[in-house]
């Protein structure tokens, strides 16, 4: 019985842990070598953003974030406010 209770409590607690997510943003305004740096600085200011990697050639930025602390809408708003409007190109858990 104890074992069942322990397993049940682990299952419940695991479902409430924050999840690390990845979103890829299309950022068509990134046109020079400084643009990805500007986008990265803006995104790393957000609580919950863990890492940012940009591909200037594809004009995309991959953001790893804690979905319990920051939402994708906040991430895209931050790029827009930095002068680089973005849209979601893809997501993965």
N, C-alpha and C. Protein backbone atom coordinates (compact mmCIF):
# COMPACT_ATOMS: atom_id res chain seq x y z
N UNK A 1 0.83 -1.19 0.00
CA UNK A 1 0.00 0.00 0.00
C UNK A 1 0.88 1.26 0.00
N UNK A 2 1.93 1.23 0.80
CA UNK A 2 2.83 2.37 0.85
C UNK A 2 3.45 2.65 -0.52
N UNK A 3 3.82 1.58 -1.19
CA UNK A 3 4.44 1.71 -2.50
C UNK A 3 3.47 2.37 -3.49
N UNK A 4 2.22 1.98 -3.44
CA UNK A 4 1.21 2.56 -4.32
C UNK A 4 1.05 4.05 -4.03
N UNK A 5 1.00 4.40 -2.77
CA UNK A 5 0.85 5.81 -2.39
C UNK A 5 2.06 6.63 -2.85
N UNK A 6 3.25 6.07 -2.71
CA UNK A 6 4.45 6.77 -3.13
C UNK A 6 4.45 6.99 -4.64
N UNK A 7 4.10 5.97 -5.39
CA UNK A 7 4.05 6.09 -6.85
C UNK A 7 3.00 7.11 -7.26
N UNK A 8 1.85 7.07 -6.62
CA UNK A 8 0.78 8.02 -6.94
C UNK A 8 1.21 9.45 -6.66
N UNK A 9 1.90 9.67 -5.54
CA UNK A 9 2.33 11.03 -5.22
C UNK A 9 3.39 11.51 -6.20
N UNK A 10 4.26 10.63 -6.67
CA UNK A 10 5.25 11.01 -7.66
C UNK A 10 4.59 11.38 -8.99
N UNK A 11 3.57 10.63 -9.36
CA UNK A 11 2.86 10.92 -10.61
C UNK A 11 2.17 12.27 -10.54
N UNK A 12 1.56 12.58 -9.42
CA UNK A 12 0.87 13.85 -9.26
C UNK A 12 1.87 15.00 -9.25
N UNK A 13 2.94 14.87 -8.50
CA UNK A 13 3.90 15.96 -8.40
C UNK A 13 4.65 16.17 -9.72
N UNK A 14 4.89 15.13 -10.47
CA UNK A 14 5.58 15.28 -11.76
C UNK A 14 4.74 16.08 -12.74
N UNK A 15 3.43 15.97 -12.64
CA UNK A 15 2.58 16.67 -13.59
C UNK A 15 2.50 18.17 -13.31
N UNK A 16 2.88 18.62 -12.13
CA UNK A 16 2.83 20.04 -11.83
C UNK A 16 4.19 20.72 -11.93
N UNK A 17 5.24 19.99 -12.25
CA UNK A 17 6.54 20.60 -12.44
C UNK A 17 6.53 21.44 -13.71
N UNK A 18 7.20 22.57 -13.68
CA UNK A 18 7.26 23.38 -14.89
C UNK A 18 8.01 22.63 -15.99
N UNK A 19 7.62 22.87 -17.20
CA UNK A 19 8.24 22.17 -18.32
C UNK A 19 9.11 23.13 -19.12
N UNK A 20 10.26 22.63 -19.50
CA UNK A 20 11.14 23.39 -20.38
C UNK A 20 10.62 23.19 -21.80
N UNK A 21 10.36 24.25 -22.49
CA UNK A 21 9.81 24.20 -23.84
C UNK A 21 10.76 24.89 -24.81
N UNK A 22 10.57 24.59 -26.08
CA UNK A 22 11.35 25.24 -27.13
C UNK A 22 10.40 25.79 -28.18
N UNK A 23 10.59 27.02 -28.55
CA UNK A 23 9.81 27.63 -29.64
C UNK A 23 10.80 28.22 -30.65
N UNK A 24 10.50 28.01 -31.91
CA UNK A 24 11.29 28.62 -32.98
C UNK A 24 10.48 29.76 -33.56
N UNK A 25 11.10 30.92 -33.62
CA UNK A 25 10.42 32.11 -34.12
C UNK A 25 10.98 32.50 -35.49
N UNK A 26 10.10 32.85 -36.39
CA UNK A 26 10.51 33.45 -37.66
C UNK A 26 10.66 34.95 -37.39
N UNK A 27 11.86 35.46 -37.66
CA UNK A 27 12.15 36.88 -37.41
C UNK A 27 12.67 37.48 -38.72
N UNK A 28 11.75 37.84 -39.63
CA UNK A 28 12.17 38.30 -40.95
C UNK A 28 12.99 39.59 -40.95
N UNK A 29 12.91 40.37 -39.89
CA UNK A 29 13.65 41.63 -39.83
C UNK A 29 15.12 41.48 -39.48
N UNK A 30 15.56 40.26 -39.15
CA UNK A 30 16.99 40.06 -38.85
C UNK A 30 17.75 40.05 -40.17
N UNK A 31 18.50 41.11 -40.43
CA UNK A 31 19.19 41.23 -41.71
C UNK A 31 20.69 41.44 -41.61
N UNK A 32 21.20 41.68 -40.40
CA UNK A 32 22.64 41.89 -40.26
C UNK A 32 23.15 41.15 -39.02
N UNK A 33 24.44 41.14 -38.83
CA UNK A 33 25.04 40.39 -37.73
C UNK A 33 24.66 40.91 -36.35
N UNK A 34 24.27 42.16 -36.24
CA UNK A 34 23.91 42.75 -34.94
C UNK A 34 22.47 42.39 -34.55
N UNK A 35 21.62 42.14 -35.54
CA UNK A 35 20.21 41.86 -35.25
C UNK A 35 20.01 40.68 -34.28
N UNK A 36 20.64 39.53 -34.49
CA UNK A 36 20.44 38.42 -33.55
C UNK A 36 20.91 38.76 -32.13
N UNK A 37 21.93 39.58 -32.02
CA UNK A 37 22.43 39.99 -30.71
C UNK A 37 21.37 40.82 -30.00
N UNK A 38 20.74 41.73 -30.73
CA UNK A 38 19.69 42.58 -30.16
C UNK A 38 18.50 41.73 -29.71
N UNK A 39 18.10 40.78 -30.54
CA UNK A 39 16.98 39.89 -30.20
C UNK A 39 17.32 39.07 -28.96
N UNK A 40 18.52 38.51 -28.93
CA UNK A 40 18.93 37.69 -27.78
C UNK A 40 18.93 38.50 -26.49
N UNK A 41 19.47 39.70 -26.52
CA UNK A 41 19.49 40.55 -25.32
C UNK A 41 18.08 40.82 -24.82
N UNK A 42 17.17 41.12 -25.74
CA UNK A 42 15.79 41.41 -25.34
C UNK A 42 15.14 40.19 -24.71
N UNK A 43 15.38 39.02 -25.27
CA UNK A 43 14.74 37.81 -24.76
C UNK A 43 15.33 37.34 -23.44
N UNK A 44 16.63 37.48 -23.28
CA UNK A 44 17.26 37.04 -22.02
C UNK A 44 16.88 37.91 -20.83
N UNK A 45 16.29 39.07 -21.08
CA UNK A 45 15.79 39.91 -19.99
C UNK A 45 14.52 39.33 -19.37
N UNK A 46 13.85 38.45 -20.09
CA UNK A 46 12.60 37.88 -19.61
C UNK A 46 12.87 36.77 -18.59
N UNK A 47 12.18 36.84 -17.46
CA UNK A 47 12.28 35.78 -16.46
C UNK A 47 11.66 34.53 -17.06
N UNK A 48 12.42 33.46 -17.11
CA UNK A 48 11.92 32.21 -17.66
C UNK A 48 12.57 31.81 -18.96
N UNK A 49 13.21 32.76 -19.65
CA UNK A 49 13.95 32.42 -20.87
C UNK A 49 15.29 31.85 -20.44
N UNK A 50 15.57 30.64 -20.91
CA UNK A 50 16.77 29.91 -20.50
C UNK A 50 17.91 30.10 -21.50
N UNK A 51 17.59 30.01 -22.79
CA UNK A 51 18.63 30.12 -23.82
C UNK A 51 18.01 30.64 -25.11
N UNK A 52 18.84 31.30 -25.91
CA UNK A 52 18.40 31.86 -27.19
C UNK A 52 19.50 31.60 -28.20
N UNK A 53 19.11 31.03 -29.35
CA UNK A 53 20.06 30.82 -30.44
C UNK A 53 19.40 31.28 -31.73
N UNK A 54 20.12 32.08 -32.50
CA UNK A 54 19.57 32.59 -33.76
C UNK A 54 20.32 32.04 -34.95
N UNK A 55 19.61 31.90 -36.05
CA UNK A 55 20.18 31.52 -37.33
C UNK A 55 19.87 32.67 -38.29
N UNK A 56 20.87 33.49 -38.53
CA UNK A 56 20.67 34.68 -39.36
C UNK A 56 20.29 34.30 -40.79
N UNK A 57 20.90 33.26 -41.32
CA UNK A 57 20.60 32.82 -42.69
C UNK A 57 19.15 32.43 -42.88
N UNK A 58 18.60 31.74 -41.88
CA UNK A 58 17.18 31.34 -41.94
C UNK A 58 16.25 32.40 -41.38
N UNK A 59 16.85 33.41 -40.72
CA UNK A 59 16.08 34.45 -40.04
C UNK A 59 15.13 33.83 -39.01
N UNK A 60 15.72 32.96 -38.20
CA UNK A 60 14.97 32.28 -37.14
C UNK A 60 15.71 32.38 -35.82
N UNK A 61 14.94 32.33 -34.75
CA UNK A 61 15.49 32.32 -33.40
C UNK A 61 14.82 31.21 -32.62
N UNK A 62 15.64 30.36 -31.99
CA UNK A 62 15.13 29.29 -31.15
C UNK A 62 15.25 29.74 -29.69
N UNK A 63 14.15 29.62 -28.97
CA UNK A 63 14.11 30.06 -27.58
C UNK A 63 13.74 28.87 -26.70
N UNK A 64 14.58 28.60 -25.71
CA UNK A 64 14.28 27.59 -24.70
C UNK A 64 13.81 28.35 -23.47
N UNK A 65 12.64 27.96 -22.96
CA UNK A 65 12.05 28.72 -21.87
C UNK A 65 11.28 27.82 -20.91
N UNK A 66 11.03 28.34 -19.73
CA UNK A 66 10.25 27.67 -18.70
C UNK A 66 8.82 28.16 -18.84
N UNK A 67 7.92 27.26 -19.26
CA UNK A 67 6.55 27.71 -19.54
C UNK A 67 5.74 28.05 -18.30
N UNK A 68 6.30 27.80 -17.12
CA UNK A 68 5.63 28.22 -15.89
C UNK A 68 5.94 29.68 -15.57
N UNK A 69 6.99 30.22 -16.21
CA UNK A 69 7.41 31.59 -15.92
C UNK A 69 7.14 32.58 -17.05
N UNK A 70 7.11 32.10 -18.27
CA UNK A 70 6.94 33.01 -19.41
C UNK A 70 6.13 32.31 -20.50
N UNK A 71 5.31 33.07 -21.17
CA UNK A 71 4.47 32.55 -22.24
C UNK A 71 5.02 32.99 -23.60
N UNK A 72 4.66 32.25 -24.63
CA UNK A 72 5.14 32.57 -25.97
C UNK A 72 4.70 33.97 -26.40
N UNK A 73 3.51 34.37 -26.02
CA UNK A 73 3.04 35.72 -26.36
C UNK A 73 3.96 36.80 -25.79
N UNK A 74 4.47 36.56 -24.60
CA UNK A 74 5.41 37.51 -23.98
C UNK A 74 6.73 37.52 -24.74
N UNK A 75 7.15 36.36 -25.19
CA UNK A 75 8.40 36.24 -25.95
C UNK A 75 8.29 36.99 -27.28
N UNK A 76 7.19 36.78 -28.00
CA UNK A 76 7.03 37.48 -29.28
C UNK A 76 6.85 38.98 -29.08
N UNK A 77 6.21 39.36 -27.99
CA UNK A 77 6.07 40.79 -27.69
C UNK A 77 7.45 41.42 -27.45
N UNK A 78 8.33 40.70 -26.76
CA UNK A 78 9.68 41.21 -26.48
C UNK A 78 10.47 41.42 -27.77
N UNK A 79 10.35 40.51 -28.72
CA UNK A 79 11.06 40.71 -29.99
C UNK A 79 10.48 41.90 -30.74
N UNK A 80 9.16 42.04 -30.71
CA UNK A 80 8.51 43.18 -31.39
C UNK A 80 8.95 44.50 -30.77
N UNK A 81 8.98 44.54 -29.43
CA UNK A 81 9.39 45.77 -28.74
C UNK A 81 10.86 46.10 -28.98
N UNK A 82 11.66 45.08 -29.31
CA UNK A 82 13.07 45.32 -29.64
C UNK A 82 13.24 45.74 -31.10
N UNK A 83 12.13 45.80 -31.84
CA UNK A 83 12.19 46.21 -33.23
C UNK A 83 12.19 45.07 -34.22
N UNK A 84 11.92 43.85 -33.74
CA UNK A 84 11.97 42.68 -34.60
C UNK A 84 10.71 41.83 -34.42
N UNK A 85 9.62 42.20 -35.09
CA UNK A 85 8.40 41.40 -34.98
C UNK A 85 8.68 39.94 -35.38
N UNK A 86 8.04 39.02 -34.68
CA UNK A 86 8.27 37.60 -34.94
C UNK A 86 6.95 36.84 -34.93
N UNK A 87 6.99 35.67 -35.56
CA UNK A 87 5.86 34.75 -35.53
C UNK A 87 6.38 33.37 -35.18
N UNK A 88 5.50 32.53 -34.70
CA UNK A 88 5.90 31.17 -34.33
C UNK A 88 6.14 30.35 -35.59
N UNK A 89 7.33 29.77 -35.70
CA UNK A 89 7.67 28.91 -36.83
C UNK A 89 7.54 27.44 -36.43
N UNK A 90 7.66 27.14 -35.13
CA UNK A 90 7.55 25.77 -34.66
C UNK A 90 7.74 25.70 -33.16
N UNK A 91 7.23 24.60 -32.58
CA UNK A 91 7.38 24.37 -31.14
C UNK A 91 7.71 22.91 -30.90
N UNK A 92 8.33 22.65 -29.76
CA UNK A 92 8.53 21.27 -29.31
C UNK A 92 8.73 21.28 -27.81
N UNK A 93 8.29 20.22 -27.16
CA UNK A 93 8.45 20.14 -25.69
C UNK A 93 9.88 19.89 -25.30
